[in-house]
Amino acid sequence: MPLYEHVMIARQDLSNTQAEGLIEHFGSVLSDNGGTLVDHEYWGVKTMAYKINKNRKGHYAYMRSDAPATAVQEMERLMRLHDDVMRVLTIKVDEHPELPSVQMQKRDERGDRRERR
């Protein structure tokens, strides 16, 4: 089955447990349609570059899935209809990296940055 990465932004007035509950809910949607949620990370409340639906901040969540295209389409459809979800991004990838995502790594663990000019 194809591998996907999803990033979701939920409204800022949700609690942390409600935002993590959304991850579990959409993971169950994937499993009901023949896919699996491989891994997920809750990135917390972050400030956005611009307002979305009059919100300046949002709960960010990152999910990795192994699911057929129909299951991913159904999950995206339900995410877009859900009132608490503001934005969704899904990317098809060749493989899932083993390390935690860049957002979850500490600055010391990340690779060296290039020299500034």
PDB file of N, CA and C in Angstrom:
ATOM      1  N   MET A   1       0.842  -1.183   0.000  1.00  0.00           N
ATOM      2  CA  MET A   1       0.000   0.000   0.000  1.00  0.00           C
ATOM      3  C   MET A   1       0.886   1.245   0.000  1.00  0.00           C
ATOM      4  N   PRO A   2       0.378   2.344  -0.543  1.00  0.00           N
ATOM      5  CA  PRO A   2       1.152   3.588  -0.561  1.00  0.00           C
ATOM      6  C   PRO A   2       1.313   4.177   0.848  1.00  0.00           C
ATOM      7  N   LEU A   3       2.381   4.925   1.017  1.00  0.00           N
ATOM      8  CA  LEU A   3       2.673   5.577   2.293  1.00  0.00           C
ATOM      9  C   LEU A   3       2.355   7.064   2.172  1.00  0.00           C
ATOM     10  N   TYR A   4       1.762   7.627   3.210  1.00  0.00           N
ATOM     11  CA  TYR A   4       1.377   9.035   3.202  1.00  0.00           C
ATOM     12  C   TYR A   4       1.818   9.712   4.492  1.00  0.00           C
ATOM     13  N   GLU A   5       2.016  11.029   4.399  1.00  0.00           N
ATOM     14  CA  GLU A   5       2.228  11.884   5.568  1.00  0.00           C
ATOM     15  C   GLU A   5       1.148  12.958   5.550  1.00  0.00           C
ATOM     16  N   HIS A   6       0.566  13.215   6.699  1.00  0.00           N
ATOM     17  CA  HIS A   6      -0.504  14.190   6.816  1.00  0.00           C
ATOM     18  C   HIS A   6      -0.136  15.203   7.899  1.00  0.00           C
ATOM     19  N   VAL A   7      -0.426  16.471   7.635  1.00  0.00           N
ATOM     20  CA  VAL A   7      -0.303  17.515   8.651  1.00  0.00           C
ATOM     21  C   VAL A   7      -1.663  18.183   8.757  1.00  0.00           C
ATOM     22  N   MET A   8      -2.130  18.334   9.982  1.00  0.00           N
ATOM     23  CA  MET A   8      -3.453  18.896  10.227  1.00  0.00           C
ATOM     24  C   MET A   8      -3.318  20.061  11.202  1.00  0.00           C
ATOM     25  N   ILE A   9      -4.062  21.132  10.951  1.00  0.00           N
ATOM     26  CA  ILE A   9      -4.119  22.264  11.878  1.00  0.00           C
ATOM     27  C   ILE A   9      -5.546  22.360  12.401  1.00  0.00           C
ATOM     28  N   ALA A  10      -5.689  22.283  13.722  1.00  0.00           N
ATOM     29  CA  ALA A  10      -6.999  22.387  14.361  1.00  0.00           C
ATOM     30  C   ALA A  10      -7.123  23.743  15.058  1.00  0.00           C
ATOM     31  N   ARG A  11      -8.342  24.121  15.384  1.00  0.00           N
ATOM     32  CA  ARG A  11      -8.599  25.423  16.011  1.00  0.00           C
ATOM     33  C   ARG A  11      -7.864  25.558  17.346  1.00  0.00           C
ATOM     34  N   GLN A  12      -7.511  26.809  17.678  1.00  0.00           N
ATOM     35  CA  GLN A  12      -6.714  27.060  18.879  1.00  0.00           C
ATOM     36  C   GLN A  12      -7.511  26.931  20.168  1.00  0.00           C
ATOM     37  N   ASP A  13      -8.828  27.037  20.120  1.00  0.00           N
ATOM     38  CA  ASP A  13      -9.597  26.992  21.361  1.00  0.00           C
ATOM     39  C   ASP A  13      -9.918  25.564  21.815  1.00  0.00           C
ATOM     40  N   LEU A  14      -9.400  24.555  21.149  1.00  0.00           N
ATOM     41  CA  LEU A  14      -9.529  23.179  21.610  1.00  0.00           C
ATOM     42  C   LEU A  14      -8.512  22.913  22.719  1.00  0.00           C
ATOM     43  N   SER A  15      -8.813  21.955  23.562  1.00  0.00           N
ATOM     44  CA  SER A  15      -7.823  21.544  24.561  1.00  0.00           C
ATOM     45  C   SER A  15      -6.856  20.555  23.911  1.00  0.00           C
ATOM     46  N   ASN A  16      -5.745  20.274  24.591  1.00  0.00           N
ATOM     47  CA  ASN A  16      -4.763  19.324  24.060  1.00  0.00           C
ATOM     48  C   ASN A  16      -5.364  17.937  23.894  1.00  0.00           C
ATOM     49  N   THR A  17      -6.183  17.516  24.846  1.00  0.00           N
ATOM     50  CA  THR A  17      -6.780  16.185  24.749  1.00  0.00           C
ATOM     51  C   THR A  17      -7.781  16.102  23.603  1.00  0.00           C
ATOM     52  N   GLN A  18      -8.504  17.198  23.343  1.00  0.00           N
ATOM     53  CA  GLN A  18      -9.427  17.204  22.210  1.00  0.00           C
ATOM     54  C   GLN A  18      -8.671  17.136  20.886  1.00  0.00           C
ATOM     55  N   ALA A  19      -7.553  17.853  20.803  1.00  0.00           N
ATOM     56  CA  ALA A  19      -6.754  17.834  19.578  1.00  0.00           C
ATOM     57  C   ALA A  19      -6.158  16.444  19.349  1.00  0.00           C
ATOM     58  N   GLU A  20      -5.681  15.799  20.407  1.00  0.00           N
ATOM     59  CA  GLU A  20      -5.161  14.443  20.266  1.00  0.00           C
ATOM     60  C   GLU A  20      -6.281  13.447  19.982  1.00  0.00           C
ATOM     61  N   GLY A  21      -7.482  13.743  20.457  1.00  0.00           N
ATOM     62  CA  GLY A  21      -8.644  12.916  20.146  1.00  0.00           C
ATOM     63  C   GLY A  21      -8.984  12.956  18.657  1.00  0.00           C
ATOM     64  N   LEU A  22      -8.752  14.099  18.029  1.00  0.00           N
ATOM     65  CA  LEU A  22      -8.959  14.208  16.580  1.00  0.00           C
ATOM     66  C   LEU A  22      -8.018  13.273  15.828  1.00  0.00           C
ATOM     67  N   ILE A  23      -6.766  13.177  16.294  1.00  0.00           N
ATOM     68  CA  ILE A  23      -5.797  12.286  15.658  1.00  0.00           C
ATOM     69  C   ILE A  23      -6.294  10.842  15.742  1.00  0.00           C
ATOM     70  N   GLU A  24      -6.754  10.450  16.915  1.00  0.00           N
ATOM     71  CA  GLU A  24      -7.253   9.085  17.092  1.00  0.00           C
ATOM     72  C   GLU A  24      -8.500   8.840  16.242  1.00  0.00           C
ATOM     73  N   HIS A  25      -9.368   9.846  16.156  1.00  0.00           N
ATOM     74  CA  HIS A  25     -10.593   9.713  15.361  1.00  0.00           C
ATOM     75  C   HIS A  25     -10.269   9.485  13.892  1.00  0.00           C
ATOM     76  N   PHE A  26      -9.365  10.288  13.339  1.00  0.00           N
ATOM     77  CA  PHE A  26      -9.032  10.145  11.925  1.00  0.00           C
ATOM     78  C   PHE A  26      -8.183   8.897  11.681  1.00  0.00           C
ATOM     79  N   GLY A  27      -7.448   8.443  12.674  1.00  0.00           N
ATOM     80  CA  GLY A  27      -6.749   7.167  12.560  1.00  0.00           C
ATOM     81  C   GLY A  27      -7.729   6.006  12.488  1.00  0.00           C
ATOM     82  N   SER A  28      -8.819   6.103  13.243  1.00  0.00           N
ATOM     83  CA  SER A  28      -9.837   5.049  13.180  1.00  0.00           C
ATOM     84  C   SER A  28     -10.572   5.066  11.843  1.00  0.00           C
ATOM     85  N   VAL A  29     -10.716   6.247  11.236  1.00  0.00           N
ATOM     86  CA  VAL A  29     -11.317   6.333   9.900  1.00  0.00           C
ATOM     87  C   VAL A  29     -10.441   5.588   8.898  1.00  0.00           C
ATOM     88  N   LEU A  30      -9.122   5.773   9.013  1.00  0.00           N
ATOM     89  CA  LEU A  30      -8.206   5.046   8.129  1.00  0.00           C
ATOM     90  C   LEU A  30      -8.317   3.534   8.332  1.00  0.00           C
ATOM     91  N   SER A  31      -8.333   3.095   9.578  1.00  0.00           N
ATOM     92  CA  SER A  31      -8.384   1.648   9.839  1.00  0.00           C
ATOM     93  C   SER A  31      -9.716   1.037   9.411  1.00  0.00           C
ATOM     94  N   ASP A  32     -10.794   1.806   9.495  1.00  0.00           N
ATOM     95  CA  ASP A  32     -12.094   1.304   9.046  1.00  0.00           C
ATOM     96  C   ASP A  32     -12.129   1.093   7.539  1.00  0.00           C
ATOM     97  N   ASN A  33     -11.307   1.844   6.811  1.00  0.00           N
ATOM     98  CA  ASN A  33     -11.286   1.755   5.348  1.00  0.00           C
ATOM     99  C   ASN A  33     -10.108   0.937   4.824  1.00  0.00           C
ATOM    100  N   GLY A  34      -9.470   0.148   5.659  1.00  0.00           N
ATOM    101  CA  GLY A  34      -8.438  -0.769   5.199  1.00  0.00           C
ATOM    102  C   GLY A  34      -7.014  -0.258   5.307  1.00  0.00           C
ATOM    103  N   GLY A  35      -6.773   0.835   6.005  1.00  0.00           N
ATOM    104  CA  GLY A  35      -5.421   1.366   6.169  1.00  0.00           C
ATOM    105  C   GLY A  35      -4.978   1.301   7.616  1.00  0.00           C
ATOM    106  N   THR A  36      -3.760   1.748   7.867  1.00  0.00           N
ATOM    107  CA  THR A  36      -3.257   1.799   9.238  1.00  0.00           C
ATOM    108  C   THR A  36      -2.571   3.140   9.480  1.00  0.00           C
ATOM    109  N   LEU A  37      -2.682   3.615  10.696  1.00  0.00           N
ATOM    110  CA  LEU A  37      -1.960   4.803  11.122  1.00  0.00           C
ATOM    111  C   LEU A  37      -0.646   4.313  11.715  1.00  0.00           C
ATOM    112  N   VAL A  38       0.453   4.526  10.988  1.00  0.00           N
ATOM    113  CA  VAL A  38       1.754   3.999  11.391  1.00  0.00           C
ATOM    114  C   VAL A  38       2.269   4.724  12.627  1.00  0.00           C
ATOM    115  N   ASP A  39       2.203   6.053  12.611  1.00  0.00           N
ATOM    116  CA  ASP A  39       2.767   6.856  13.690  1.00  0.00           C
ATOM    117  C   ASP A  39       2.077   8.202  13.679  1.00  0.00           C
ATOM    118  N   HIS A  40       2.047   8.858  14.815  1.00  0.00           N
ATOM    119  CA  HIS A  40       1.517  10.223  14.865  1.00  0.00           C
ATOM    120  C   HIS A  40       2.277  11.027  15.916  1.00  0.00           C
ATOM    121  N   GLU A  41       2.328  12.323  15.694  1.00  0.00           N
ATOM    122  CA  GLU A  41       2.976  13.248  16.630  1.00  0.00           C
ATOM    123  C   GLU A  41       2.067  14.451  16.818  1.00  0.00           C
ATOM    124  N   TYR A  42       1.934  14.876  18.053  1.00  0.00           N
ATOM    125  CA  TYR A  42       1.204  16.101  18.354  1.00  0.00           C
ATOM    126  C   TYR A  42       2.243  17.183  18.568  1.00  0.00           C
ATOM    127  N   TRP A  43       2.238  18.183  17.707  1.00  0.00           N
ATOM    128  CA  TRP A  43       3.253  19.227  17.747  1.00  0.00           C
ATOM    129  C   TRP A  43       2.891  20.373  18.682  1.00  0.00           C
ATOM    130  N   GLY A  44       1.684  20.454  19.147  1.00  0.00           N
ATOM    131  CA  GLY A  44       1.282  21.504  20.079  1.00  0.00           C
ATOM    132  C   GLY A  44       0.700  22.713  19.376  1.00  0.00           C
ATOM    133  N   VAL A  45       0.491  23.775  20.160  1.00  0.00           N
ATOM    134  CA  VAL A  45      -0.068  25.019  19.627  1.00  0.00           C
ATOM    135  C   VAL A  45       1.076  25.859  19.081  1.00  0.00           C
ATOM    136  N   LYS A  46       0.948  26.266  17.836  1.00  0.00           N
ATOM    137  CA  LYS A  46       1.981  27.080  17.191  1.00  0.00           C
ATOM    138  C   LYS A  46       1.330  28.296  16.553  1.00  0.00           C
ATOM    139  N   THR A  47       2.100  29.363  16.452  1.00  0.00           N
ATOM    140  CA  THR A  47       1.633  30.576  15.795  1.00  0.00           C
ATOM    141  C   THR A  47       1.778  30.420  14.289  1.00  0.00           C
ATOM    142  N   MET A  48       0.742  30.820  13.559  1.00  0.00           N
ATOM    143  CA  MET A  48       0.757  30.701  12.103  1.00  0.00           C
ATOM    144  C   MET A  48       1.286  31.991  11.475  1.00  0.00           C
ATOM    145  N   ALA A  49       1.705  31.915  10.241  1.00  0.00           N
ATOM    146  CA  ALA A  49       2.248  33.075   9.542  1.00  0.00           C
ATOM    147  C   ALA A  49       1.154  34.086   9.200  1.00  0.00           C
ATOM    148  N   TYR A  50      -0.063  33.611   9.014  1.00  0.00           N
ATOM    149  CA  TYR A  50      -1.189  34.486   8.703  1.00  0.00           C
ATOM    150  C   TYR A  50      -2.459  33.882   9.316  1.00  0.00           C
ATOM    151  N   LYS A  51      -3.483  34.712   9.434  1.00  0.00           N
ATOM    152  CA  LYS A  51      -4.731  34.260  10.046  1.00  0.00           C
ATOM    153  C   LYS A  51      -5.459  33.297   9.125  1.00  0.00           C
ATOM    154  N   ILE A  52      -6.021  32.259   9.717  1.00  0.00           N
ATOM    155  CA  ILE A  52      -6.894  31.330   9.014  1.00  0.00           C
ATOM    156  C   ILE A  52      -8.196  31.287   9.803  1.00  0.00           C
ATOM    157  N   ASN A  53      -9.289  31.646   9.174  1.00  0.00           N
ATOM    158  CA  ASN A  53     -10.600  31.679   9.832  1.00  0.00           C
ATOM    159  C   ASN A  53     -10.559  32.493  11.123  1.00  0.00           C
ATOM    160  N   LYS A  54      -9.894  33.632  11.072  1.00  0.00           N
ATOM    161  CA  LYS A  54      -9.765  34.565  12.201  1.00  0.00           C
ATOM    162  C   LYS A  54      -8.974  33.985  13.371  1.00  0.00           C
ATOM    163  N   ASN A  55      -8.165  32.973  13.138  1.00  0.00           N
ATOM    164  CA  ASN A  55      -7.326  32.373  14.175  1.00  0.00           C
ATOM    165  C   ASN A  55      -5.862  32.654  13.874  1.00  0.00           C
ATOM    166  N   ARG A  56      -5.117  33.034  14.887  1.00  0.00           N
ATOM    167  CA  ARG A  56      -3.701  33.335  14.755  1.00  0.00           C
ATOM    168  C   ARG A  56      -2.836  32.131  15.127  1.00  0.00           C
ATOM    169  N   LYS A  57      -3.394  31.212  15.927  1.00  0.00           N
ATOM    170  CA  LYS A  57      -2.674  30.018  16.381  1.00  0.00           C
ATOM    171  C   LYS A  57      -3.478  28.779  16.049  1.00  0.00           C
ATOM    172  N   GLY A  58      -2.829  27.623  16.147  1.00  0.00           N
ATOM    173  CA  GLY A  58      -3.533  26.380  15.888  1.00  0.00           C
ATOM    174  C   GLY A  58      -2.793  25.189  16.469  1.00  0.00           C
ATOM    175  N   HIS A  59      -3.521  24.109  16.701  1.00  0.00           N
ATOM    176  CA  HIS A  59      -2.947  22.848  17.151  1.00  0.00           C
ATOM    177  C   HIS A  59      -2.456  22.093  15.921  1.00  0.00           C
ATOM    178  N   TYR A  60      -1.168  21.788  15.886  1.00  0.00           N
ATOM    179  CA  TYR A  60      -0.581  21.077  14.754  1.00  0.00           C
ATOM    180  C   TYR A  60      -0.438  19.595  15.097  1.00  0.00           C
ATOM    181  N   ALA A  61      -0.775  18.746  14.132  1.00  0.00           N
ATOM    182  CA  ALA A  61      -0.632  17.297  14.308  1.00  0.00           C
ATOM    183  C   ALA A  61      -0.041  16.706  13.031  1.00  0.00           C
ATOM    184  N   TYR A  62       0.817  15.716  13.206  1.00  0.00           N
ATOM    185  CA  TYR A  62       1.508  15.054  12.102  1.00  0.00           C
ATOM    186  C   TYR A  62       1.211  13.567  12.167  1.00  0.00           C
ATOM    187  N   MET A  63       0.796  12.991  11.042  1.00  0.00           N
ATOM    188  CA  MET A  63       0.438  11.572  11.014  1.00  0.00           C
ATOM    189  C   MET A  63       1.121  10.890   9.834  1.00  0.00           C
ATOM    190  N   ARG A  64       1.533   9.650  10.052  1.00  0.00           N
ATOM    191  CA  ARG A  64       2.088   8.816   8.987  1.00  0.00           C
ATOM    192  C   ARG A  64       1.144   7.640   8.809  1.00  0.00           C
ATOM    193  N   SER A  65       0.778   7.355   7.555  1.00  0.00           N
ATOM    194  CA  SER A  65      -0.175   6.279   7.324  1.00  0.00           C
ATOM    195  C   SER A  65       0.279   5.368   6.202  1.00  0.00           C
ATOM    196  N   ASP A  66      -0.230   4.152   6.256  1.00  0.00           N
ATOM    197  CA  ASP A  66      -0.039   3.145   5.225  1.00  0.00           C
ATOM    198  C   ASP A  66      -1.446   2.719   4.833  1.00  0.00           C
ATOM    199  N   ALA A  67      -1.971   3.311   3.768  1.00  0.00           N
ATOM    200  CA  ALA A  67      -3.381   3.124   3.449  1.00  0.00           C
ATOM    201  C   ALA A  67      -3.621   3.210   1.950  1.00  0.00           C
ATOM    202  N   PRO A  68      -4.684   2.567   1.473  1.00  0.00           N
ATOM    203  CA  PRO A  68      -5.033   2.733   0.064  1.00  0.00           C
ATOM    204  C   PRO A  68      -5.561   4.146  -0.195  1.00  0.00           C
ATOM    205  N   ALA A  69      -5.566   4.532  -1.441  1.00  0.00           N
ATOM    206  CA  ALA A  69      -5.957   5.899  -1.803  1.00  0.00           C
ATOM    207  C   ALA A  69      -7.400   6.210  -1.399  1.00  0.00           C
ATOM    208  N   THR A  70      -8.270   5.226  -1.464  1.00  0.00           N
ATOM    209  CA  THR A  70      -9.674   5.471  -1.104  1.00  0.00           C
ATOM    210  C   THR A  70      -9.823   5.805   0.381  1.00  0.00           C
ATOM    211  N   ALA A  71      -9.028   5.158   1.228  1.00  0.00           N
ATOM    212  CA  ALA A  71      -9.087   5.444   2.664  1.00  0.00           C
ATOM    213  C   ALA A  71      -8.573   6.849   2.947  1.00  0.00           C
ATOM    214  N   VAL A  72      -7.508   7.262   2.256  1.00  0.00           N
ATOM    215  CA  VAL A  72      -6.949   8.601   2.455  1.00  0.00           C
ATOM    216  C   VAL A  72      -7.936   9.656   1.958  1.00  0.00           C
ATOM    217  N   GLN A  73      -8.583   9.402   0.834  1.00  0.00           N
ATOM    218  CA  GLN A  73      -9.568  10.348   0.315  1.00  0.00           C
ATOM    219  C   GLN A  73     -10.740  10.507   1.273  1.00  0.00           C
ATOM    220  N   GLU A  74     -11.184   9.413   1.858  1.00  0.00           N
ATOM    221  CA  GLU A  74     -12.286   9.480   2.815  1.00  0.00           C
ATOM    222  C   GLU A  74     -11.873  10.242   4.072  1.00  0.00           C
ATOM    223  N   MET A  75     -10.644  10.007   4.572  1.00  0.00           N
ATOM    224  CA  MET A  75     -10.165  10.722   5.744  1.00  0.00           C
ATOM    225  C   MET A  75     -10.054  12.222   5.455  1.00  0.00           C
ATOM    226  N   GLU A  76      -9.512  12.582   4.290  1.00  0.00           N
ATOM    227  CA  GLU A  76      -9.402  13.996   3.925  1.00  0.00           C
ATOM    228  C   GLU A  76     -10.773  14.638   3.799  1.00  0.00           C
ATOM    229  N   ARG A  77     -11.722  13.912   3.229  1.00  0.00           N
ATOM    230  CA  ARG A  77     -13.084  14.451   3.081  1.00  0.00           C
ATOM    231  C   ARG A  77     -13.687  14.754   4.446  1.00  0.00           C
ATOM    232  N   LEU A  78     -13.528  13.820   5.393  1.00  0.00           N
ATOM    233  CA  LEU A  78     -14.057  14.032   6.739  1.00  0.00           C
ATOM    234  C   LEU A  78     -13.314  15.140   7.474  1.00  0.00           C
ATOM    235  N   MET A  79     -11.999  15.267   7.232  1.00  0.00           N
ATOM    236  CA  MET A  79     -11.233  16.351   7.861  1.00  0.00           C
ATOM    237  C   MET A  79     -11.724  17.709   7.369  1.00  0.00           C
ATOM    238  N   ARG A  80     -11.979  17.820   6.075  1.00  0.00           N
ATOM    239  CA  ARG A  80     -12.433  19.099   5.516  1.00  0.00           C
ATOM    240  C   ARG A  80     -13.839  19.457   5.978  1.00  0.00           C
ATOM    241  N   LEU A  81     -14.661  18.457   6.287  1.00  0.00           N
ATOM    242  CA  LEU A  81     -16.014  18.710   6.778  1.00  0.00           C
ATOM    243  C   LEU A  81     -16.048  19.000   8.274  1.00  0.00           C
ATOM    244  N   HIS A  82     -15.032  18.568   9.006  1.00  0.00           N
ATOM    245  CA  HIS A  82     -14.990  18.741  10.468  1.00  0.00           C
ATOM    246  C   HIS A  82     -14.794  20.223  10.797  1.00  0.00           C
ATOM    247  N   ASP A  83     -15.583  20.727  11.740  1.00  0.00           N
ATOM    248  CA  ASP A  83     -15.534  22.151  12.090  1.00  0.00           C
ATOM    249  C   ASP A  83     -14.246  22.547  12.796  1.00  0.00           C
ATOM    250  N   ASP A  84     -13.622  21.622  13.521  1.00  0.00           N
ATOM    251  CA  ASP A  84     -12.433  21.952  14.298  1.00  0.00           C
ATOM    252  C   ASP A  84     -11.151  21.944  13.466  1.00  0.00           C
ATOM    253  N   VAL A  85     -11.169  21.349  12.293  1.00  0.00           N
ATOM    254  CA  VAL A  85      -9.972  21.260  11.450  1.00  0.00           C
ATOM    255  C   VAL A  85      -9.961  22.434  10.476  1.00  0.00           C
ATOM    256  N   MET A  86      -8.861  23.214  10.506  1.00  0.00           N
ATOM    257  CA  MET A  86      -8.762  24.386   9.630  1.00  0.00           C
ATOM    258  C   MET A  86      -8.035  24.083   8.328  1.00  0.00           C
ATOM    259  N   ARG A  87      -6.954  23.314   8.381  1.00  0.00           N
ATOM    260  CA  ARG A  87      -6.173  23.003   7.180  1.00  0.00           C
ATOM    261  C   ARG A  87      -5.679  21.569   7.240  1.00  0.00           C
ATOM    262  N   VAL A  88      -5.516  20.982   6.048  1.00  0.00           N
ATOM    263  CA  VAL A  88      -5.021  19.617   5.916  1.00  0.00           C
ATOM    264  C   VAL A  88      -4.038  19.583   4.765  1.00  0.00           C
ATOM    265  N   LEU A  89      -2.920  18.878   4.942  1.00  0.00           N
ATOM    266  CA  LEU A  89      -1.953  18.663   3.869  1.00  0.00           C
ATOM    267  C   LEU A  89      -1.587  17.188   3.872  1.00  0.00           C
ATOM    268  N   THR A  90      -1.710  16.543   2.713  1.00  0.00           N
ATOM    269  CA  THR A  90      -1.360  15.134   2.573  1.00  0.00           C
ATOM    270  C   THR A  90      -0.328  14.992   1.472  1.00  0.00           C
ATOM    271  N   ILE A  91       0.725  14.245   1.756  1.00  0.00           N
ATOM    272  CA  ILE A  91       1.817  14.029   0.801  1.00  0.00           C
ATOM    273  C   ILE A  91       2.080  12.533   0.701  1.00  0.00           C
ATOM    274  N   LYS A  92       2.217  12.037  -0.532  1.00  0.00           N
ATOM    275  CA  LYS A  92       2.583  10.640  -0.747  1.00  0.00           C
ATOM    276  C   LYS A  92       4.101  10.549  -0.728  1.00  0.00           C
ATOM    277  N   VAL A  93       4.641   9.620   0.073  1.00  0.00           N
ATOM    278  CA  VAL A  93       6.086   9.479   0.217  1.00  0.00           C
ATOM    279  C   VAL A  93       6.509   8.058  -0.163  1.00  0.00           C
ATOM    280  N   ASP A  94       7.799   7.889  -0.459  1.00  0.00           N
ATOM    281  CA  ASP A  94       8.331   6.572  -0.803  1.00  0.00           C
ATOM    282  C   ASP A  94       8.572   5.717   0.432  1.00  0.00           C
ATOM    283  N   GLU A  95       9.025   6.355   1.525  1.00  0.00           N
ATOM    284  CA  GLU A  95       9.271   5.626   2.770  1.00  0.00           C
ATOM    285  C   GLU A  95       9.129   6.574   3.943  1.00  0.00           C
ATOM    286  N   HIS A  96       8.840   6.007   5.108  1.00  0.00           N
ATOM    287  CA  HIS A  96       8.740   6.798   6.330  1.00  0.00           C
ATOM    288  C   HIS A  96      10.092   6.806   7.020  1.00  0.00           C
ATOM    289  N   PRO A  97      10.607   7.988   7.386  1.00  0.00           N
ATOM    290  CA  PRO A  97      11.869   8.022   8.135  1.00  0.00           C
ATOM    291  C   PRO A  97      11.669   7.487   9.552  1.00  0.00           C
ATOM    292  N   GLU A  98      12.712   6.898  10.102  1.00  0.00           N
ATOM    293  CA  GLU A  98      12.638   6.294  11.435  1.00  0.00           C
ATOM    294  C   GLU A  98      12.725   7.337  12.547  1.00  0.00           C
ATOM    295  N   LEU A  99      13.426   8.407  12.305  1.00  0.00           N
ATOM    296  CA  LEU A  99      13.613   9.427  13.332  1.00  0.00           C
ATOM    297  C   LEU A  99      12.328  10.203  13.558  1.00  0.00           C
ATOM    298  N   PRO A 100      12.218  10.895  14.686  1.00  0.00           N
ATOM    299  CA  PRO A 100      11.071  11.795  14.825  1.00  0.00           C
ATOM    300  C   PRO A 100      11.171  12.924  13.806  1.00  0.00           C
ATOM    301  N   SER A 101      10.062  13.561  13.542  1.00  0.00           N
ATOM    302  CA  SER A 101      10.047  14.622  12.544  1.00  0.00           C
ATOM    303  C   SER A 101      10.940  15.782  12.987  1.00  0.00           C
ATOM    304  N   VAL A 102      11.234  16.659  12.061  1.00  0.00           N
ATOM    305  CA  VAL A 102      12.120  17.789  12.334  1.00  0.00           C
ATOM    306  C   VAL A 102      11.531  18.688  13.418  1.00  0.00           C
ATOM    307  N   GLN A 103      10.211  18.799  13.453  1.00  0.00           N
ATOM    308  CA  GLN A 103       9.563  19.639  14.466  1.00  0.00           C
ATOM    309  C   GLN A 103       9.789  19.108  15.878  1.00  0.00           C
ATOM    310  N   MET A 104       9.931  17.813  16.026  1.00  0.00           N
ATOM    311  CA  MET A 104      10.068  17.215  17.355  1.00  0.00           C
ATOM    312  C   MET A 104      11.522  17.066  17.800  1.00  0.00           C
ATOM    313  N   GLN A 105      12.476  17.222  16.883  1.00  0.00           N
ATOM    314  CA  GLN A 105      13.885  17.102  17.244  1.00  0.00           C
ATOM    315  C   GLN A 105      14.350  18.364  17.955  1.00  0.00           C
ATOM    316  N   LYS A 106      15.289  18.183  18.861  1.00  0.00           N
ATOM    317  CA  LYS A 106      15.891  19.339  19.510  1.00  0.00           C
ATOM    318  C   LYS A 106      16.881  19.964  18.551  1.00  0.00           C
ATOM    319  N   ARG A 107      17.217  21.189  18.759  1.00  0.00           N
ATOM    320  CA  ARG A 107      18.123  21.888  17.847  1.00  0.00           C
ATOM    321  C   ARG A 107      19.501  21.229  17.780  1.00  0.00           C
ATOM    322  N   ASP A 108      19.956  20.627  18.879  1.00  0.00           N
ATOM    323  CA  ASP A 108      21.268  19.978  18.884  1.00  0.00           C
ATOM    324  C   ASP A 108      21.284  18.724  18.014  1.00  0.00           C
ATOM    325  N   GLU A 109      20.130  18.055  17.888  1.00  0.00           N
ATOM    326  CA  GLU A 109      20.069  16.807  17.126  1.00  0.00           C
ATOM    327  C   GLU A 109      19.958  17.032  15.627  1.00  0.00           C
ATOM    328  N   ARG A 110      19.555  18.213  15.221  1.00  0.00           N
ATOM    329  CA  ARG A 110      19.373  18.489  13.797  1.00  0.00           C
ATOM    330  C   ARG A 110      20.725  18.593  13.111  1.00  0.00           C
ATOM    331  N   GLY A 111      20.703  18.439  11.808  1.00  0.00           N
ATOM    332  CA  GLY A 111      21.937  18.562  11.036  1.00  0.00           C
ATOM    333  C   GLY A 111      22.467  19.990  11.061  1.00  0.00           C
ATOM    334  N   ASP A 112      23.724  20.142  10.704  1.00  0.00           N
ATOM    335  CA  ASP A 112      24.339  21.466  10.683  1.00  0.00           C
ATOM    336  C   ASP A 112      23.689  22.329   9.629  1.00  0.00           C
ATOM    337  N   ARG A 113      23.542  23.593   9.947  1.00  0.00           N
ATOM    338  CA  ARG A 113      22.981  24.533   8.994  1.00  0.00           C
ATOM    339  C   ARG A 113      24.095  25.052   8.105  1.00  0.00           C
ATOM    340  N   ARG A 114      23.726  25.516   6.956  1.00  0.00           N
ATOM    341  CA  ARG A 114      24.740  26.084   6.083  1.00  0.00           C
ATOM    342  C   ARG A 114      25.188  27.431   6.634  1.00  0.00           C
ATOM    343  N   GLU A 115      26.324  27.875   6.204  1.00  0.00           N
ATOM    344  CA  GLU A 115      26.901  29.115   6.693  1.00  0.00           C
ATOM    345  C   GLU A 115      26.103  30.310   6.182  1.00  0.00           C
ATOM    346  N   ARG A 116      25.872  31.277   7.053  1.00  0.00           N
ATOM    347  CA  ARG A 116      25.139  32.476   6.637  1.00  0.00           C
ATOM    348  C   ARG A 116      26.034  33.383   5.839  1.00  0.00           C
ATOM    349  N   ARG A 117      25.429  34.126   4.961  1.00  0.00           N
ATOM    350  CA  ARG A 117      26.190  35.047   4.112  1.00  0.00           C
ATOM    351  C   ARG A 117      26.285  36.422   4.676  1.00  0.00           C
TER     352      ARG A 117
END
